[in-house]
N, C-alpha and C. Protein backbone atom coordinates (compact mmCIF):
# COMPACT_ATOMS: atom_id res chain seq x y z
N UNK A 1 26.09 -17.94 -9.31
CA UNK A 1 26.50 -16.38 -9.59
C UNK A 1 25.54 -15.73 -10.22
N UNK A 2 24.92 -14.66 -9.90
CA UNK A 2 23.91 -13.83 -11.11
C UNK A 2 24.90 -13.40 -11.71
N UNK A 3 24.40 -12.84 -13.36
CA UNK A 3 25.41 -12.20 -14.28
C UNK A 3 24.72 -10.30 -14.21
N UNK A 4 25.29 -9.93 -14.43
CA UNK A 4 25.13 -8.36 -14.51
C UNK A 4 23.75 -7.93 -15.25
N UNK A 5 23.61 -8.73 -16.31
CA UNK A 5 22.08 -8.60 -16.68
C UNK A 5 21.08 -8.88 -15.64
N UNK A 6 21.35 -10.26 -15.25
CA UNK A 6 20.28 -10.41 -14.16
C UNK A 6 19.90 -9.10 -13.48
N UNK A 7 21.01 -9.00 -12.56
CA UNK A 7 21.07 -8.06 -11.69
C UNK A 7 20.56 -6.56 -11.81
N UNK A 8 20.91 -6.41 -13.22
CA UNK A 8 20.23 -4.81 -13.82
C UNK A 8 18.72 -5.38 -13.76
N UNK A 9 18.01 -6.25 -14.20
CA UNK A 9 17.02 -6.53 -14.70
C UNK A 9 15.97 -6.29 -13.40
N UNK A 10 16.46 -7.35 -12.40
CA UNK A 10 15.88 -7.47 -10.86
C UNK A 10 16.01 -5.96 -10.23
N UNK A 11 16.84 -5.04 -10.60
CA UNK A 11 16.79 -3.80 -9.98
C UNK A 11 15.65 -3.09 -10.97
N UNK A 12 15.81 -2.99 -11.75
CA UNK A 12 14.87 -2.01 -12.77
C UNK A 12 13.19 -2.50 -12.01
N UNK A 13 13.32 -3.96 -11.77
CA UNK A 13 11.92 -4.12 -11.52
C UNK A 13 11.88 -3.58 -10.24
N UNK A 14 12.73 -3.50 -9.40
CA UNK A 14 12.30 -2.99 -7.96
C UNK A 14 11.84 -1.83 -7.83
N UNK A 15 12.78 -0.89 -8.78
CA UNK A 15 12.49 0.28 -8.70
C UNK A 15 11.40 0.88 -9.34
N UNK A 16 10.87 0.11 -10.48
CA UNK A 16 9.69 0.36 -11.50
C UNK A 16 8.35 0.32 -10.74
N UNK A 17 7.99 -0.18 -9.58
CA UNK A 17 6.95 -0.01 -9.21
C UNK A 17 5.74 -0.99 -9.78
N UNK A 18 4.61 -0.50 -10.22
CA UNK A 18 3.85 -1.04 -11.20
C UNK A 18 3.96 -0.70 -12.66
N UNK A 19 4.90 -0.13 -13.33
CA UNK A 19 4.72 0.05 -14.28
C UNK A 19 4.87 -1.16 -15.50
N UNK A 20 5.62 -2.03 -14.89
CA UNK A 20 5.40 -3.68 -15.83
C UNK A 20 4.24 -4.50 -15.86
N UNK A 21 3.06 -3.70 -14.93
CA UNK A 21 1.81 -4.49 -15.00
C UNK A 21 0.90 -4.69 -16.13
N UNK A 22 0.56 -5.71 -16.66
CA UNK A 22 -0.15 -5.69 -17.76
C UNK A 22 -1.58 -4.99 -17.65
N UNK A 23 -1.98 -4.72 -18.71
CA UNK A 23 -2.74 -3.42 -18.89
C UNK A 23 -4.23 -3.62 -18.21
N UNK A 24 -4.74 -5.04 -18.22
CA UNK A 24 -5.81 -5.23 -17.25
C UNK A 24 -5.79 -4.97 -15.49
N UNK A 25 -4.31 -5.06 -15.34
CA UNK A 25 -3.90 -5.07 -14.01
C UNK A 25 -3.60 -3.56 -13.47
N UNK A 26 -3.17 -2.88 -14.56
CA UNK A 26 -2.55 -1.42 -14.26
C UNK A 26 -4.24 -0.68 -14.30
N UNK A 27 -5.39 -1.14 -14.69
CA UNK A 27 -6.42 -0.19 -14.43
C UNK A 27 -7.03 -0.93 -13.58
N UNK A 28 -6.89 -2.26 -12.72
CA UNK A 28 -7.38 -2.32 -11.36
C UNK A 28 -6.62 -1.69 -10.24
N UNK A 29 -5.19 -1.23 -10.64
CA UNK A 29 -4.51 -0.84 -9.91
C UNK A 29 -4.85 0.99 -9.88
N UNK A 30 -5.40 1.48 -10.87
CA UNK A 30 -5.76 2.52 -10.87
C UNK A 30 -7.03 2.81 -10.17
N UNK A 31 -8.28 2.04 -10.33
CA UNK A 31 -9.18 1.89 -9.85
C UNK A 31 -9.05 1.68 -8.29
N UNK A 32 -8.03 0.77 -8.02
CA UNK A 32 -7.69 0.96 -6.28
C UNK A 32 -7.17 2.01 -5.55
N UNK A 33 -6.65 2.67 -6.58
CA UNK A 33 -6.16 4.11 -6.35
C UNK A 33 -6.94 5.42 -5.94
N UNK A 34 -8.06 5.24 -7.11
CA UNK A 34 -9.49 6.00 -6.90
C UNK A 34 -10.28 5.91 -5.44
N UNK A 35 -10.70 4.56 -5.32
CA UNK A 35 -10.90 3.89 -4.25
C UNK A 35 -10.09 4.45 -2.55
N UNK A 36 -8.99 4.56 -2.80
CA UNK A 36 -8.24 5.13 -1.71
C UNK A 36 -8.25 6.51 -1.55
N UNK A 37 -8.27 7.10 -2.50
CA UNK A 37 -8.32 8.78 -2.66
C UNK A 37 -9.42 8.89 -1.78
N UNK A 38 -10.85 8.45 -2.13
CA UNK A 38 -11.64 9.15 -1.95
C UNK A 38 -11.98 8.28 -0.33
N UNK A 39 -11.79 7.44 0.03
CA UNK A 39 -11.19 6.94 1.64
C UNK A 39 -10.72 7.93 2.60
N UNK A 40 -9.64 8.35 1.83
CA UNK A 40 -8.85 9.22 2.44
C UNK A 40 -9.51 10.38 2.92
N UNK A 41 -10.49 10.81 1.68
CA UNK A 41 -11.22 12.45 1.70
C UNK A 41 -12.36 11.94 2.55
N UNK A 42 -12.53 10.81 2.66
CA UNK A 42 -13.74 10.59 4.13
C UNK A 42 -13.41 10.47 5.04
N UNK A 43 -11.91 10.26 5.44
CA UNK A 43 -11.68 9.96 7.15
C UNK A 43 -11.96 8.48 7.07
N UNK A 44 -11.54 7.52 5.74
CA UNK A 44 -11.89 6.37 5.97
C UNK A 44 -10.49 5.43 6.20
N UNK A 45 -10.49 4.50 6.31
CA UNK A 45 -9.12 3.76 6.34
C UNK A 45 -9.37 3.32 4.50
N UNK A 46 -8.15 3.11 4.02
CA UNK A 46 -7.43 2.88 2.78
C UNK A 46 -7.27 1.30 2.64
N UNK A 47 -7.21 0.77 1.80
CA UNK A 47 -7.12 -0.65 1.43
C UNK A 47 -5.68 -0.99 2.18
N UNK A 48 -4.78 -0.53 1.91
CA UNK A 48 -3.30 -0.75 2.54
C UNK A 48 -3.94 -0.55 4.18
N UNK A 49 -4.66 0.57 4.74
CA UNK A 49 -4.88 0.05 6.34
C UNK A 49 -5.67 -1.01 6.61
N UNK A 50 -6.71 -1.38 5.91
CA UNK A 50 -7.67 -2.52 6.49
C UNK A 50 -6.82 -4.10 6.22
N UNK A 51 -5.53 -3.65 5.11
CA UNK A 51 -4.78 -5.07 5.21
C UNK A 51 -3.82 -5.27 6.07
N UNK A 52 -3.17 -4.10 7.11
CA UNK A 52 -2.66 -3.70 8.01
C UNK A 52 -3.31 -4.07 9.16
N UNK A 53 -4.08 -3.51 9.40
CA UNK A 53 -5.15 -3.53 10.69
C UNK A 53 -5.72 -5.26 10.86
N UNK A 54 -6.05 -5.77 9.72
CA UNK A 54 -6.49 -7.43 9.82
C UNK A 54 -4.84 -8.09 10.12
N UNK A 55 -3.92 -7.90 9.34
CA UNK A 55 -2.65 -8.56 9.95
C UNK A 55 -1.86 -8.02 11.48
N UNK A 56 -2.66 -7.08 11.86
CA UNK A 56 -1.52 -7.20 13.48
C UNK A 56 -2.83 -6.71 14.27
N UNK A 57 -4.31 -7.28 13.73
CA UNK A 57 -5.60 -6.93 14.77
C UNK A 57 -5.40 -6.12 15.47
N UNK A 58 -4.96 -4.99 14.89
CA UNK A 58 -5.16 -3.54 15.56
C UNK A 58 -5.65 -2.50 14.67
N UNK A 59 -6.11 -1.35 15.25
CA UNK A 59 -6.94 -0.25 14.11
C UNK A 59 -5.18 0.30 13.45
N UNK A 60 -5.20 0.46 12.18
CA UNK A 60 -3.94 1.21 11.34
C UNK A 60 -4.62 2.12 10.91
N UNK A 61 -3.68 3.33 10.50
CA UNK A 61 -3.96 4.32 9.96
C UNK A 61 -2.45 4.78 9.28
N UNK A 62 -2.24 4.31 7.74
CA UNK A 62 -0.80 4.88 7.57
C UNK A 62 -0.72 6.37 7.58
N UNK A 63 -1.53 7.28 7.34
CA UNK A 63 -1.58 8.78 7.30
C UNK A 63 -1.14 9.01 8.90
N UNK A 64 -1.54 8.21 9.78
CA UNK A 64 -1.08 8.91 11.27
C UNK A 64 0.55 9.51 11.27
N UNK A 65 1.21 8.83 10.30
CA UNK A 65 2.62 9.54 10.45
C UNK A 65 2.70 10.72 9.92
N UNK A 66 1.77 11.43 9.44
CA UNK A 66 1.65 12.64 9.20
C UNK A 66 1.96 13.66 10.07
N UNK A 67 0.77 13.20 11.57
CA UNK A 67 0.83 13.63 12.45
C UNK A 67 1.29 13.23 13.62
N UNK A 68 2.73 12.55 13.90
CA UNK A 68 3.51 11.87 14.08
C UNK A 68 2.61 11.57 15.55
N UNK A 69 2.07 10.42 14.97
CA UNK A 69 1.35 9.43 16.00
C UNK A 69 1.64 7.84 15.44
N UNK A 70 1.34 7.08 16.32
CA UNK A 70 1.84 5.70 15.89
C UNK A 70 0.82 5.41 14.96
N UNK A 71 1.34 4.31 13.67
CA UNK A 71 0.68 3.60 12.76
C UNK A 71 -0.51 2.82 13.28
N UNK A 72 -0.34 2.11 14.61
CA UNK A 72 -1.12 1.22 14.69
C UNK A 72 -1.58 1.22 16.40
N UNK A 73 -2.84 1.31 17.04
CA UNK A 73 -3.18 1.55 18.17
C UNK A 73 -4.03 0.42 18.14
N UNK A 74 -4.05 0.13 19.42
CA UNK A 74 -5.07 -1.22 20.32
C UNK A 74 -6.62 -0.61 19.73
N UNK A 75 -7.22 -1.86 19.28
CA UNK A 75 -8.71 -1.63 19.22
C UNK A 75 -9.34 -1.42 20.61
N UNK A 76 -10.38 -0.73 20.12
CA UNK A 76 -11.11 -0.66 21.37
C UNK A 76 -12.18 -1.93 21.62
N UNK A 77 -12.21 -2.21 23.05
CA UNK A 77 -13.31 -3.22 23.33
C UNK A 77 -14.66 -2.49 23.16
N UNK A 78 -15.20 -3.55 22.25
CA UNK A 78 -17.03 -2.75 22.11
C UNK A 78 -18.09 -3.87 23.34
């Protein structure tokens, strides 16, 4: 059985996001966020979009949700 302390620690880790990252990893996270913001401003796929697209073998844009569209659509054949 898990003790209360273990449950509290796990809960804090889950809700903290990336706050417990070591400094070098935190800076990499900031760089990725900056890159994603640039991609969004240019209307291109973010890193999350690219990973999701590669995983599902579809064209995915997470921000499609804001336009009430499906996140992933079938890729067009070339």
